[in-house]
Every structure is written in C-alpha cells, then in structure tokens.
C-alpha cells in the first residue's frame, strides 16, 4: 500500500509504503524490514521495482514472512539537514507507523541501496542493537564518513554489505 502520512521529524507529509506477502492478510504480528531508497527511487517506485512480488515469492520459497515498510527520504542523504531529519523518521516514526498497523517493529531489519545503504548503516550506528540485521547494497559512503573509517559503531550488529567490483567502496570492504 501507499499512503500519505505526516512526518514531524521531516516537517512534511511523506509517502509511506508497506507490503505484506500474499496470503498473510493484513500482516498483523509480522516483523518489519525498513527499506531505504537510493537517490534515484522513491516508495512510489517500489511496486514497479517488484518489491511486493519478490517479497511474496521469498515467502513461497520458504523465507519466514515479514513486512516491507519505507518512506520518502531526502534527495541526497538519510541524515539531518536543518530541521529536516529523515534519520529520526527512520528510527522513531516508521516503527511507530508500523506498530499502529499491527506489524512487529520492535527490532526491525534494515535494508537500503546506494544512499539508502548509507542510511541503514547510519541508523544502525546511531542506535546500536536496535535493528535485528542490516543489509546495505552499494552504500553511498564518502571518504569523510565516520562509518567508513571507524565502523566500530556497528560492532556486534549483524551487517551484510554488498558492492560490485567497480564500486568505489570495493577496495575498502574487500579486505
């Protein structure tokens, strides 16, 4: 589903996406994976990207069912810029929105790509132990990012990091 919700952390209305695998009704009680988009997509693109279909297929293939949830982030970063704080939306508001819909958002998984890959790593570092697991695909990490030079904030956190051999991060994470 796509709906418009107000984010106090962002100071604006955002699009809120949720997907429940087919056959699991309204998803009540299912755990949540929060999805953070890259700069080239928004939650309105998730259906076209196939996320609901892939979620259903994963459960049909034996993966334990879960809900996908995500909302509009900033154009360039999942971090505070003035009074706009997309990271606070991820840490506090998205779980609350999910809980109000009956989903289990107590220890969400985090998944993001590019800018969203950076966002899930930053969220996990900001609140150690909060996420059940983190998956970052080609995270948009820059040379000055503390996560790149001091990943200790993620110690003990289950983290999966994927990037291609042509990705600027490859040399840093392949060792």
Protein backbone atom coordinates (compact mmCIF):
# COMPACT_ATOMS: atom_id res chain seq x y z
CA UNK A 1 0.00 0.00 0.00
CA UNK A 2 0.96 3.61 -0.46
CA UNK A 3 -0.40 6.27 1.84
CA UNK A 4 0.44 9.80 2.82
CA UNK A 5 1.45 10.34 6.43
CA UNK A 6 2.80 13.37 8.25
CA UNK A 7 6.39 13.14 9.48
CA UNK A 8 7.07 15.53 12.34
CA UNK A 9 10.79 14.69 12.02
CA UNK A 10 10.76 15.81 8.39
CA UNK A 11 8.24 18.64 8.88
CA UNK A 12 6.19 17.46 5.91
CA UNK A 13 3.92 14.80 4.50
CA UNK A 14 5.70 11.75 3.08
CA UNK A 15 4.66 8.69 1.11
CA UNK A 16 4.61 5.60 3.34
CA UNK A 17 4.90 2.20 1.64
CA UNK A 18 4.06 -1.17 3.16
CA UNK A 19 3.98 -4.61 1.55
CA UNK A 20 2.67 -7.80 3.12
CA UNK A 21 3.32 -11.12 1.35
CA UNK A 22 0.27 -12.56 -0.40
CA UNK A 23 -1.60 -14.95 1.85
CA UNK A 24 -0.73 -13.15 5.11
CA UNK A 25 -3.79 -10.88 5.35
CA UNK A 26 -3.06 -7.51 6.87
CA UNK A 27 0.34 -8.68 8.16
CA UNK A 28 -0.59 -8.37 11.84
CA UNK A 29 2.26 -9.57 14.03
CA UNK A 30 4.76 -9.95 11.18
CA UNK A 31 8.26 -8.49 11.70
CA UNK A 32 9.28 -5.45 9.68
CA UNK A 33 12.15 -4.72 7.32
CA UNK A 34 12.54 -0.98 6.79
CA UNK A 35 13.56 -0.15 3.22
CA UNK A 36 15.59 3.00 2.50
CA UNK A 37 15.74 4.06 -1.13
CA UNK A 38 18.63 5.44 -3.10
CA UNK A 39 18.62 8.88 -4.71
CA UNK A 40 17.03 7.59 -7.91
CA UNK A 41 13.89 5.99 -6.43
CA UNK A 42 11.07 6.67 -4.02
CA UNK A 43 8.47 4.47 -2.29
CA UNK A 44 6.13 5.18 -5.21
CA UNK A 45 8.62 3.18 -7.34
CA UNK A 46 8.74 0.09 -5.09
CA UNK A 47 5.87 -1.71 -6.82
CA UNK A 48 7.43 -1.15 -10.26
CA UNK A 49 10.77 -2.36 -8.88
CA UNK A 50 8.98 -5.57 -7.91
CA UNK A 51 9.42 -5.43 -4.14
CA UNK A 52 5.92 -6.76 -3.27
CA UNK A 53 6.21 -9.57 -5.83
CA UNK A 54 9.68 -10.56 -4.63
CA UNK A 55 8.51 -10.50 -1.00
CA UNK A 56 5.67 -12.90 -1.82
CA UNK A 57 7.99 -15.15 -3.80
CA UNK A 58 10.52 -15.24 -0.97
CA UNK A 59 7.85 -16.47 1.46
CA UNK A 60 6.66 -19.06 -1.07
CA UNK A 61 10.27 -20.24 -1.31
CA UNK A 62 10.41 -20.78 2.46
CA UNK A 63 11.59 -17.48 3.93
CA UNK A 64 9.76 -16.58 7.12
CA UNK A 65 7.15 -13.92 6.28
CA UNK A 66 7.85 -10.27 7.01
CA UNK A 67 6.55 -6.84 6.04
CA UNK A 68 8.45 -4.27 3.97
CA UNK A 69 8.00 -0.64 5.02
CA UNK A 70 9.57 2.58 3.81
CA UNK A 71 9.00 6.30 3.41
CA UNK A 72 10.37 9.22 1.44
CA UNK A 73 13.87 10.21 2.44
CA UNK A 74 15.83 13.28 1.45
CA UNK A 75 17.18 13.76 -2.04
CA UNK A 76 20.85 13.35 -1.11
CA UNK A 77 21.19 11.85 2.40
CA UNK A 78 19.34 10.00 5.14
CA UNK A 79 20.65 12.45 7.73
CA UNK A 80 19.59 15.70 9.34
CA UNK A 81 19.68 18.87 7.29
CA UNK A 82 18.47 21.85 9.32
CA UNK A 83 15.09 20.94 10.79
CA UNK A 84 14.55 18.05 8.32
CA UNK A 85 15.62 14.79 9.99
CA UNK A 86 14.94 11.69 7.86
CA UNK A 87 17.05 9.55 10.20
CA UNK A 88 14.75 10.40 13.14
CA UNK A 89 11.83 9.41 10.91
CA UNK A 90 13.51 6.02 10.32
CA UNK A 91 14.41 5.44 13.97
CA UNK A 92 11.21 6.66 15.60
CA UNK A 93 8.32 7.36 13.24
CA UNK A 94 8.42 4.46 10.76
CA UNK A 95 8.42 1.87 13.59
CA UNK A 96 5.50 3.71 15.24
CA UNK A 97 3.56 3.83 11.95
CA UNK A 98 4.20 0.09 11.53
CA UNK A 99 3.14 -0.73 15.08
CA UNK A 100 -0.12 1.20 14.59
CA UNK A 101 -0.82 -1.08 11.62
CA UNK A 102 -0.27 -4.17 13.76
CA UNK A 103 3.21 -5.08 12.50
CA UNK A 104 6.03 -6.11 14.86
CA UNK A 105 8.51 -3.25 14.58
CA UNK A 106 10.36 -3.77 17.89
CA UNK A 107 13.60 -4.95 16.23
CA UNK A 108 13.26 -4.17 12.53
CA UNK A 109 15.59 -5.34 9.83
CA UNK A 110 17.10 -2.54 7.74
CA UNK A 111 17.74 -2.71 4.01
CA UNK A 112 18.90 0.02 1.67
CA UNK A 113 20.80 0.64 -1.51
CA UNK A 114 23.13 3.47 -2.51
CA UNK A 115 22.05 6.50 -0.46
CA UNK A 116 19.70 4.15 1.44
CA UNK A 117 22.61 1.76 2.06
CA UNK A 118 24.40 4.61 3.78
CA UNK A 119 21.15 5.40 5.63
CA UNK A 120 20.70 1.90 7.09
CA UNK A 121 24.33 1.79 8.25
CA UNK A 122 23.99 5.25 9.83
CA UNK A 123 20.71 4.30 11.54
CA UNK A 124 22.24 1.11 12.96
CA UNK A 125 25.27 3.07 14.20
CA UNK A 126 23.05 5.74 15.76
CA UNK A 127 21.08 3.17 17.76
CA UNK A 128 23.31 0.11 18.40
CA UNK A 129 21.41 -3.11 18.96
CA UNK A 130 18.09 -1.67 17.75
CA UNK A 131 17.96 -3.40 14.35
CA UNK A 132 17.77 -7.17 14.05
CA UNK A 133 20.04 -7.07 10.98
CA UNK A 134 21.31 -4.61 8.37
CA UNK A 135 21.70 -5.15 4.63
CA UNK A 136 23.46 -2.40 2.65
CA UNK A 137 23.78 -2.69 -1.12
CA UNK A 138 26.43 -0.43 -2.68
CA UNK A 139 26.17 2.07 0.19
CA UNK A 140 26.97 5.64 -0.81
CA UNK A 141 29.83 6.13 1.62
CA UNK A 142 32.16 9.08 1.14
CA UNK A 143 35.78 9.36 2.28
CA UNK A 144 34.83 11.61 5.20
CA UNK A 145 32.10 9.33 6.58
CA UNK A 146 32.89 8.05 10.07
CA UNK A 147 31.27 4.72 9.22
CA UNK A 148 33.93 4.13 6.60
CA UNK A 149 36.88 4.92 8.84
CA UNK A 150 35.50 3.85 12.23
CA UNK A 151 32.98 1.05 11.73
CA UNK A 152 33.17 0.16 15.44
CA UNK A 153 29.71 1.71 15.93
CA UNK A 154 28.40 -1.37 14.08
CA UNK A 155 30.32 -3.89 16.23
CA UNK A 156 28.12 -6.79 17.25
CA UNK A 157 25.41 -5.82 14.76
CA UNK A 158 24.62 -8.38 12.04
CA UNK A 159 25.58 -6.47 8.88
CA UNK A 160 25.64 -7.59 5.26
CA UNK A 161 27.44 -5.32 2.83
CA UNK A 162 27.32 -5.87 -0.92
CA UNK A 163 29.02 -3.89 -3.64
CA UNK A 164 30.25 -4.59 -7.14
CA UNK A 165 33.90 -4.77 -8.11
CA UNK A 166 33.61 -1.39 -9.85
CA UNK A 167 32.08 0.26 -6.77
CA UNK A 168 34.29 2.89 -5.10
CA UNK A 169 33.79 1.06 -1.80
CA UNK A 170 35.08 -2.28 -3.08
CA UNK A 171 38.75 -1.81 -2.16
CA UNK A 172 37.78 -0.72 1.36
CA UNK A 173 35.38 -3.57 2.12
CA UNK A 174 37.04 -6.45 0.27
CA UNK A 175 39.95 -6.72 2.69
